[in-house]
Amino acid sequence: MNVSDKADTPLVRLVRLRWRVAISLSLAMMLIYFGFMGLIAFHKPLLAMIVAPGVSVALIAGPSIIVSAFLLCAAYVLWTNKVYDPAVRALKR
């Protein structure tokens, strides 16, 4: 078995898939967070816009970041339960 054979085993493919999913979700969270920080730094008037009496865009966007973190974590857990864990169990057999 040479190096190229080892690089294409089911375990290696599964590990690569897991990393792709984890990195994609991490990049999505970073984009959301740093996008909000960019708005704070460079476009404060947008965040100060009032959308309803007593409610600004910032008041909606801030908690939305926290909610997006929970949703991305939930997406990872669902993916793990439906794809990753069954694949790991199959590899163990």
N, C-alpha and C. Protein backbone atom coordinates (compact mmCIF):
# COMPACT_ATOMS: atom_id res chain seq x y z
N MET A 1 0.85 -1.18 0.00
CA MET A 1 0.00 0.00 0.00
C MET A 1 0.89 1.24 0.00
N ASN A 2 0.77 2.07 -1.01
CA ASN A 2 1.59 3.28 -1.06
C ASN A 2 0.83 4.47 -0.47
N VAL A 3 1.46 5.61 -0.47
CA VAL A 3 0.90 6.81 0.17
C VAL A 3 -0.41 7.23 -0.49
N SER A 4 -0.52 7.15 -1.81
CA SER A 4 -1.73 7.58 -2.48
C SER A 4 -2.91 6.69 -2.14
N ASP A 5 -2.67 5.39 -1.84
CA ASP A 5 -3.75 4.51 -1.44
C ASP A 5 -4.28 4.89 -0.06
N LYS A 6 -3.39 5.27 0.83
CA LYS A 6 -3.80 5.65 2.18
C LYS A 6 -4.60 6.96 2.17
N ALA A 7 -4.32 7.82 1.23
CA ALA A 7 -4.96 9.14 1.21
C ALA A 7 -6.42 9.06 0.78
N ASP A 8 -6.87 7.92 0.29
CA ASP A 8 -8.24 7.83 -0.20
C ASP A 8 -9.05 6.75 0.53
N THR A 9 -8.69 6.47 1.77
CA THR A 9 -9.45 5.49 2.53
C THR A 9 -10.76 6.12 3.00
N PRO A 10 -11.75 5.31 3.32
CA PRO A 10 -13.02 5.86 3.81
C PRO A 10 -12.85 6.73 5.06
N LEU A 11 -11.94 6.32 5.93
CA LEU A 11 -11.70 7.11 7.14
C LEU A 11 -11.15 8.49 6.80
N VAL A 12 -10.18 8.54 5.89
CA VAL A 12 -9.59 9.82 5.49
C VAL A 12 -10.64 10.70 4.83
N ARG A 13 -11.50 10.11 3.98
CA ARG A 13 -12.56 10.90 3.34
C ARG A 13 -13.54 11.45 4.37
N LEU A 14 -13.85 10.63 5.39
CA LEU A 14 -14.76 11.08 6.43
C LEU A 14 -14.15 12.22 7.26
N VAL A 15 -12.87 12.08 7.57
CA VAL A 15 -12.19 13.14 8.33
C VAL A 15 -12.16 14.44 7.52
N ARG A 16 -11.88 14.33 6.22
CA ARG A 16 -11.88 15.52 5.37
C ARG A 16 -13.25 16.17 5.31
N LEU A 17 -14.28 15.35 5.21
CA LEU A 17 -15.65 15.87 5.19
C LEU A 17 -15.98 16.59 6.49
N ARG A 18 -15.60 15.99 7.61
CA ARG A 18 -15.86 16.63 8.90
C ARG A 18 -15.16 17.98 9.00
N TRP A 19 -13.90 18.03 8.54
CA TRP A 19 -13.16 19.30 8.58
C TRP A 19 -13.80 20.34 7.67
N ARG A 20 -14.27 19.90 6.49
CA ARG A 20 -14.93 20.84 5.58
C ARG A 20 -16.18 21.43 6.20
N VAL A 21 -16.97 20.59 6.84
CA VAL A 21 -18.19 21.09 7.49
C VAL A 21 -17.83 22.02 8.64
N ALA A 22 -16.89 21.62 9.49
CA ALA A 22 -16.51 22.44 10.64
C ALA A 22 -15.93 23.78 10.21
N ILE A 23 -15.08 23.77 9.20
CA ILE A 23 -14.48 25.02 8.73
C ILE A 23 -15.53 25.91 8.08
N SER A 24 -16.44 25.32 7.31
CA SER A 24 -17.50 26.10 6.67
C SER A 24 -18.38 26.79 7.70
N LEU A 25 -18.78 26.06 8.73
CA LEU A 25 -19.62 26.66 9.76
C LEU A 25 -18.85 27.70 10.57
N SER A 26 -17.58 27.45 10.81
CA SER A 26 -16.76 28.44 11.53
C SER A 26 -16.60 29.71 10.71
N LEU A 27 -16.36 29.56 9.41
CA LEU A 27 -16.25 30.73 8.54
C LEU A 27 -17.56 31.51 8.47
N ALA A 28 -18.67 30.79 8.45
CA ALA A 28 -19.97 31.47 8.45
C ALA A 28 -20.14 32.29 9.73
N MET A 29 -19.77 31.72 10.87
CA MET A 29 -19.89 32.46 12.12
C MET A 29 -18.96 33.66 12.15
N MET A 30 -17.76 33.49 11.63
CA MET A 30 -16.82 34.61 11.59
C MET A 30 -17.33 35.72 10.68
N LEU A 31 -17.90 35.34 9.55
CA LEU A 31 -18.46 36.33 8.64
C LEU A 31 -19.59 37.12 9.30
N ILE A 32 -20.46 36.42 10.00
CA ILE A 32 -21.56 37.10 10.70
C ILE A 32 -21.01 38.05 11.77
N TYR A 33 -20.11 37.54 12.60
CA TYR A 33 -19.58 38.34 13.71
C TYR A 33 -18.77 39.53 13.20
N PHE A 34 -17.83 39.28 12.30
CA PHE A 34 -17.00 40.38 11.83
C PHE A 34 -17.77 41.33 10.93
N GLY A 35 -18.82 40.85 10.29
CA GLY A 35 -19.71 41.74 9.55
C GLY A 35 -20.38 42.73 10.48
N PHE A 36 -20.84 42.23 11.61
CA PHE A 36 -21.46 43.11 12.61
C PHE A 36 -20.44 44.10 13.18
N MET A 37 -19.23 43.60 13.47
CA MET A 37 -18.19 44.49 13.98
C MET A 37 -17.83 45.55 12.93
N GLY A 38 -17.83 45.16 11.66
CA GLY A 38 -17.57 46.12 10.60
C GLY A 38 -18.64 47.19 10.53
N LEU A 39 -19.89 46.78 10.72
CA LEU A 39 -20.97 47.77 10.76
C LEU A 39 -20.78 48.75 11.92
N ILE A 40 -20.40 48.22 13.05
CA ILE A 40 -20.17 49.08 14.22
C ILE A 40 -19.04 50.06 13.92
N ALA A 41 -17.98 49.58 13.29
CA ALA A 41 -16.82 50.42 13.04
C ALA A 41 -17.03 51.41 11.91
N PHE A 42 -17.72 51.00 10.86
CA PHE A 42 -17.74 51.82 9.65
C PHE A 42 -19.11 52.33 9.21
N HIS A 43 -20.19 51.84 9.82
CA HIS A 43 -21.50 52.28 9.35
C HIS A 43 -22.49 52.40 10.52
N LYS A 44 -22.11 53.18 11.50
CA LYS A 44 -22.95 53.35 12.69
C LYS A 44 -24.35 53.92 12.38
N PRO A 45 -24.48 54.81 11.40
CA PRO A 45 -25.82 55.32 11.12
C PRO A 45 -26.82 54.22 10.72
N LEU A 46 -26.35 53.20 10.04
CA LEU A 46 -27.25 52.10 9.69
C LEU A 46 -27.75 51.40 10.94
N LEU A 47 -26.85 51.15 11.88
CA LEU A 47 -27.25 50.48 13.12
C LEU A 47 -28.15 51.36 13.98
N ALA A 48 -28.05 52.66 13.82
CA ALA A 48 -28.86 53.58 14.62
C ALA A 48 -30.25 53.79 14.04
N MET A 49 -30.48 53.28 12.83
CA MET A 49 -31.81 53.47 12.22
C MET A 49 -32.89 52.83 13.08
N ILE A 50 -33.96 53.55 13.25
CA ILE A 50 -35.09 53.06 14.04
C ILE A 50 -36.03 52.31 13.10
N VAL A 51 -36.35 51.06 13.45
CA VAL A 51 -37.27 50.26 12.63
C VAL A 51 -38.66 50.21 13.24
N ALA A 52 -38.74 50.46 14.51
CA ALA A 52 -40.01 50.55 15.24
C ALA A 52 -39.74 51.44 16.45
N PRO A 53 -40.76 51.98 17.05
CA PRO A 53 -40.52 52.84 18.23
C PRO A 53 -39.71 52.10 19.30
N GLY A 54 -38.55 52.63 19.58
CA GLY A 54 -37.67 52.05 20.60
C GLY A 54 -36.83 50.88 20.13
N VAL A 55 -36.91 50.54 18.85
CA VAL A 55 -36.15 49.39 18.33
C VAL A 55 -35.29 49.85 17.16
N SER A 56 -33.98 49.70 17.33
CA SER A 56 -33.05 50.07 16.25
C SER A 56 -32.55 48.81 15.55
N VAL A 57 -31.87 49.00 14.45
CA VAL A 57 -31.29 47.88 13.72
C VAL A 57 -30.28 47.15 14.62
N ALA A 58 -29.52 47.89 15.40
CA ALA A 58 -28.53 47.29 16.29
C ALA A 58 -29.19 46.38 17.32
N LEU A 59 -30.36 46.77 17.79
CA LEU A 59 -31.07 45.98 18.79
C LEU A 59 -31.55 44.65 18.20
N ILE A 60 -31.75 44.62 16.91
CA ILE A 60 -32.14 43.38 16.24
C ILE A 60 -30.90 42.58 15.84
N ALA A 61 -29.89 43.27 15.32
CA ALA A 61 -28.69 42.60 14.81
C ALA A 61 -27.87 41.95 15.92
N GLY A 62 -27.75 42.61 17.05
CA GLY A 62 -26.93 42.08 18.15
C GLY A 62 -27.39 40.71 18.62
N PRO A 63 -28.64 40.58 19.04
CA PRO A 63 -29.12 39.26 19.45
C PRO A 63 -29.15 38.25 18.30
N SER A 64 -29.29 38.74 17.08
CA SER A 64 -29.29 37.82 15.93
C SER A 64 -27.96 37.09 15.80
N ILE A 65 -26.88 37.72 16.20
CA ILE A 65 -25.57 37.07 16.16
C ILE A 65 -25.55 35.90 17.13
N ILE A 66 -26.09 36.11 18.32
CA ILE A 66 -26.14 35.03 19.31
C ILE A 66 -27.03 33.90 18.81
N VAL A 67 -28.16 34.24 18.24
CA VAL A 67 -29.07 33.22 17.71
C VAL A 67 -28.40 32.46 16.56
N SER A 68 -27.67 33.18 15.71
CA SER A 68 -27.00 32.51 14.60
C SER A 68 -25.96 31.52 15.10
N ALA A 69 -25.29 31.84 16.20
CA ALA A 69 -24.32 30.90 16.77
C ALA A 69 -25.02 29.61 17.21
N PHE A 70 -26.16 29.75 17.88
CA PHE A 70 -26.92 28.57 18.29
C PHE A 70 -27.41 27.77 17.07
N LEU A 71 -27.85 28.47 16.02
CA LEU A 71 -28.34 27.79 14.83
C LEU A 71 -27.22 27.05 14.10
N LEU A 72 -26.04 27.66 14.04
CA LEU A 72 -24.91 26.98 13.41
C LEU A 72 -24.47 25.77 14.22
N CYS A 73 -24.50 25.89 15.54
CA CYS A 73 -24.19 24.73 16.40
C CYS A 73 -25.22 23.63 16.19
N ALA A 74 -26.48 24.01 16.12
CA ALA A 74 -27.55 23.02 15.89
C ALA A 74 -27.37 22.35 14.53
N ALA A 75 -26.98 23.11 13.52
CA ALA A 75 -26.74 22.54 12.20
C ALA A 75 -25.61 21.51 12.26
N TYR A 76 -24.57 21.82 13.01
CA TYR A 76 -23.45 20.88 13.15
C TYR A 76 -23.89 19.61 13.88
N VAL A 77 -24.66 19.78 14.94
CA VAL A 77 -25.13 18.62 15.70
C VAL A 77 -26.04 17.75 14.83
N LEU A 78 -26.94 18.37 14.08
CA LEU A 78 -27.82 17.61 13.20
C LEU A 78 -27.01 16.87 12.13
N TRP A 79 -26.05 17.55 11.54
CA TRP A 79 -25.20 16.90 10.53
C TRP A 79 -24.44 15.73 11.16
N THR A 80 -23.92 15.95 12.34
CA THR A 80 -23.17 14.89 13.03
C THR A 80 -24.06 13.68 13.29
N ASN A 81 -25.27 13.93 13.78
CA ASN A 81 -26.17 12.82 14.10
C ASN A 81 -26.64 12.07 12.85
N LYS A 82 -26.84 12.79 11.76
CA LYS A 82 -27.40 12.16 10.55
C LYS A 82 -26.34 11.60 9.60
N VAL A 83 -25.15 12.19 9.58
CA VAL A 83 -24.14 11.79 8.60
C VAL A 83 -22.90 11.21 9.27
N TYR A 84 -22.29 11.97 10.14
CA TYR A 84 -20.98 11.60 10.68
C TYR A 84 -21.04 10.36 11.59
N ASP A 85 -21.92 10.38 12.57
CA ASP A 85 -21.98 9.26 13.51
C ASP A 85 -22.33 7.94 12.82
N PRO A 86 -23.33 7.91 11.91
CA PRO A 86 -23.57 6.64 11.21
C PRO A 86 -22.36 6.19 10.38
N ALA A 87 -21.64 7.12 9.79
CA ALA A 87 -20.45 6.75 9.01
C ALA A 87 -19.36 6.18 9.91
N VAL A 88 -19.19 6.76 11.09
CA VAL A 88 -18.20 6.25 12.04
C VAL A 88 -18.60 4.84 12.49
N ARG A 89 -19.89 4.65 12.79
CA ARG A 89 -20.34 3.31 13.20
C ARG A 89 -20.11 2.30 12.07
N ALA A 90 -20.35 2.71 10.84
CA ALA A 90 -20.14 1.82 9.70
C ALA A 90 -18.66 1.46 9.56
N LEU A 91 -17.79 2.42 9.81
CA LEU A 91 -16.34 2.15 9.72
C LEU A 91 -15.86 1.22 10.82
N LYS A 92 -16.51 1.30 11.98
CA LYS A 92 -16.11 0.43 13.10
C LYS A 92 -16.45 -1.03 12.83
N ARG A 93 -17.47 -1.27 12.01
CA ARG A 93 -17.87 -2.65 11.71
C ARG A 93 -16.93 -3.34 10.81
